C-alpha atoms as a PDB file:
ATOM      1  CA  UNK A   1     121.991  90.175 158.698  1.00  0.00           C
ATOM      2  CA  UNK A   2     124.391  88.025 156.713  1.00  0.00           C
ATOM      3  CA  UNK A   3     123.242  84.854 154.980  1.00  0.00           C
ATOM      4  CA  UNK A   4     125.359  82.774 157.384  1.00  0.00           C
ATOM      5  CA  UNK A   5     123.639  84.394 160.382  1.00  0.00           C
ATOM      6  CA  UNK A   6     120.206  83.768 158.853  1.00  0.00           C
ATOM      7  CA  UNK A   7     121.034  80.102 158.169  1.00  0.00           C
ATOM      8  CA  UNK A   8     122.010  79.384 161.769  1.00  0.00           C
ATOM      9  CA  UNK A   9     119.325  77.256 163.439  1.00  0.00           C
ATOM     10  CA  UNK A  10     116.828  77.414 160.573  1.00  0.00           C
ATOM     11  CA  UNK A  11     114.253  74.609 160.598  1.00  0.00           C
ATOM     12  CA  UNK A  12     112.706  75.544 157.260  1.00  0.00           C
ATOM     13  CA  UNK A  13     113.724  77.353 154.087  1.00  0.00           C
ATOM     14  CA  UNK A  14     111.282  79.196 151.872  1.00  0.00           C
ATOM     15  CA  UNK A  15     112.254  79.075 148.184  1.00  0.00           C
ATOM     16  CA  UNK A  16     110.225  81.292 145.852  1.00  0.00           C
ATOM     17  CA  UNK A  17     107.317  81.075 148.292  1.00  0.00           C
ATOM     18  CA  UNK A  18     107.429  77.284 148.865  1.00  0.00           C
ATOM     19  CA  UNK A  19     108.478  76.086 152.337  1.00  0.00           C
ATOM     20  CA  UNK A  20     110.898  73.142 152.600  1.00  0.00           C
ATOM     21  CA  UNK A  21     112.124  71.387 155.750  1.00  0.00           C
ATOM     22  CA  UNK A  22     115.871  71.477 156.321  1.00  0.00           C
ATOM     23  CA  UNK A  23     117.361  67.984 156.258  1.00  0.00           C
ATOM     24  CA  UNK A  24     120.964  69.205 156.512  1.00  0.00           C
ATOM     25  CA  UNK A  25     122.323  72.675 157.091  1.00  0.00           C
ATOM     26  CA  UNK A  26     125.958  73.702 157.418  1.00  0.00           C
ATOM     27  CA  UNK A  27     126.779  77.345 157.803  1.00  0.00           C
ATOM     28  CA  UNK A  28     129.641  78.041 155.360  1.00  0.00           C
ATOM     29  CA  UNK A  29     132.944  78.929 156.975  1.00  0.00           C
ATOM     30  CA  UNK A  30     136.613  79.184 156.002  1.00  0.00           C
ATOM     31  CA  UNK A  31     136.883  75.382 155.627  1.00  0.00           C
ATOM     32  CA  UNK A  32     134.056  74.982 153.095  1.00  0.00           C
ATOM     33  CA  UNK A  33     134.747  75.191 149.377  1.00  0.00           C
ATOM     34  CA  UNK A  34     132.334  76.159 146.560  1.00  0.00           C
ATOM     35  CA  UNK A  35     131.484  72.512 145.736  1.00  0.00           C
ATOM     36  CA  UNK A  36     130.577  71.562 149.335  1.00  0.00           C
ATOM     37  CA  UNK A  37     126.891  70.852 149.936  1.00  0.00           C
ATOM     38  CA  UNK A  38     125.794  73.190 152.710  1.00  0.00           C
ATOM     39  CA  UNK A  39     122.018  72.777 152.533  1.00  0.00           C
ATOM     40  CA  UNK A  40     119.683  69.861 151.839  1.00  0.00           C
ATOM     41  CA  UNK A  41     115.940  70.488 151.771  1.00  0.00           C
ATOM     42  CA  UNK A  42     112.880  68.242 151.563  1.00  0.00           C
ATOM     43  CA  UNK A  43     109.225  68.689 150.721  1.00  0.00           C
ATOM     44  CA  UNK A  44     107.449  65.345 150.433  1.00  0.00           C
ATOM     45  CA  UNK A  45     109.393  63.337 147.844  1.00  0.00           C
ATOM     46  CA  UNK A  46     111.219  66.408 146.525  1.00  0.00           C
ATOM     47  CA  UNK A  47     114.802  66.822 147.704  1.00  0.00           C
ATOM     48  CA  UNK A  48     117.049  69.770 146.852  1.00  0.00           C
ATOM     49  CA  UNK A  49     120.734  70.413 147.491  1.00  0.00           C
ATOM     50  CA  UNK A  50     122.617  73.703 147.484  1.00  0.00           C
ATOM     51  CA  UNK A  51     126.379  74.125 147.421  1.00  0.00           C
ATOM     52  CA  UNK A  52     128.348  76.922 148.973  1.00  0.00           C
ATOM     53  CA  UNK A  53     128.996  78.241 145.475  1.00  0.00           C
ATOM     54  CA  UNK A  54     125.255  78.557 144.841  1.00  0.00           C
ATOM     55  CA  UNK A  55     124.775  80.504 148.085  1.00  0.00           C
ATOM     56  CA  UNK A  56     127.883  82.698 147.801  1.00  0.00           C
ATOM     57  CA  UNK A  57     127.137  86.311 146.935  1.00  0.00           C
ATOM     58  CA  UNK A  58     123.443  86.041 147.856  1.00  0.00           C
ATOM     59  CA  UNK A  59     122.009  89.548 147.946  1.00  0.00           C
ATOM     60  CA  UNK A  60     119.892  90.665 150.874  1.00  0.00           C
ATOM     61  CA  UNK A  61     116.798  92.354 149.460  1.00  0.00           C
ATOM     62  CA  UNK A  62     114.919  93.038 152.706  1.00  0.00           C
ATOM     63  CA  UNK A  63     112.509  91.484 155.193  1.00  0.00           C
ATOM     64  CA  UNK A  64     114.738  88.438 155.676  1.00  0.00           C
ATOM     65  CA  UNK A  65     114.780  87.565 151.968  1.00  0.00           C
ATOM     66  CA  UNK A  66     117.900  86.861 149.901  1.00  0.00           C
ATOM     67  CA  UNK A  67     118.266  86.556 146.119  1.00  0.00           C
ATOM     68  CA  UNK A  68     120.702  83.925 144.860  1.00  0.00           C
ATOM     69  CA  UNK A  69     122.738  84.381 141.678  1.00  0.00           C
ATOM     70  CA  UNK A  70     120.267  82.001 140.010  1.00  0.00           C
ATOM     71  CA  UNK A  71     117.404  84.392 140.823  1.00  0.00           C
ATOM     72  CA  UNK A  72     115.863  82.141 143.485  1.00  0.00           C
ATOM     73  CA  UNK A  73     114.435  84.002 146.472  1.00  0.00           C
ATOM     74  CA  UNK A  74     115.022  82.383 149.847  1.00  0.00           C
ATOM     75  CA  UNK A  75     114.268  82.955 153.508  1.00  0.00           C
ATOM     76  CA  UNK A  76     115.367  80.942 156.517  1.00  0.00           C
ATOM     77  CA  UNK A  77     112.632  80.168 159.048  1.00  0.00           C
ATOM     78  CA  UNK A  78     112.682  78.712 162.568  1.00  0.00           C
ATOM     79  CA  UNK A  79     109.949  76.913 164.473  1.00  0.00           C
ATOM     80  CA  UNK A  80     108.403  78.873 167.318  1.00  0.00           C
ATOM     81  CA  UNK A  81     108.795  77.316 170.745  1.00  0.00           C
ATOM     82  CA  UNK A  82     106.004  77.819 173.272  1.00  0.00           C
ATOM     83  CA  UNK A  83     106.821  77.362 176.952  1.00  0.00           C
END
């Protein structure tokens, strides 16, 4: 699964084991450039931003986990819906 596919519809992002809520998520496409913010995350008062450049070349390492160039491990998570 590509990083773009994993990002689609994610409600939460796990960074190095800590789960953040997605405030803003834009799946990178041909119109985004490396400096575009494509992900904003929040956990309490902590807010993080990631640009396309930071997510480019993320390596899939298995079990839904990706390693960014910075070494950060991330997973995209979705809320379960019960009907």
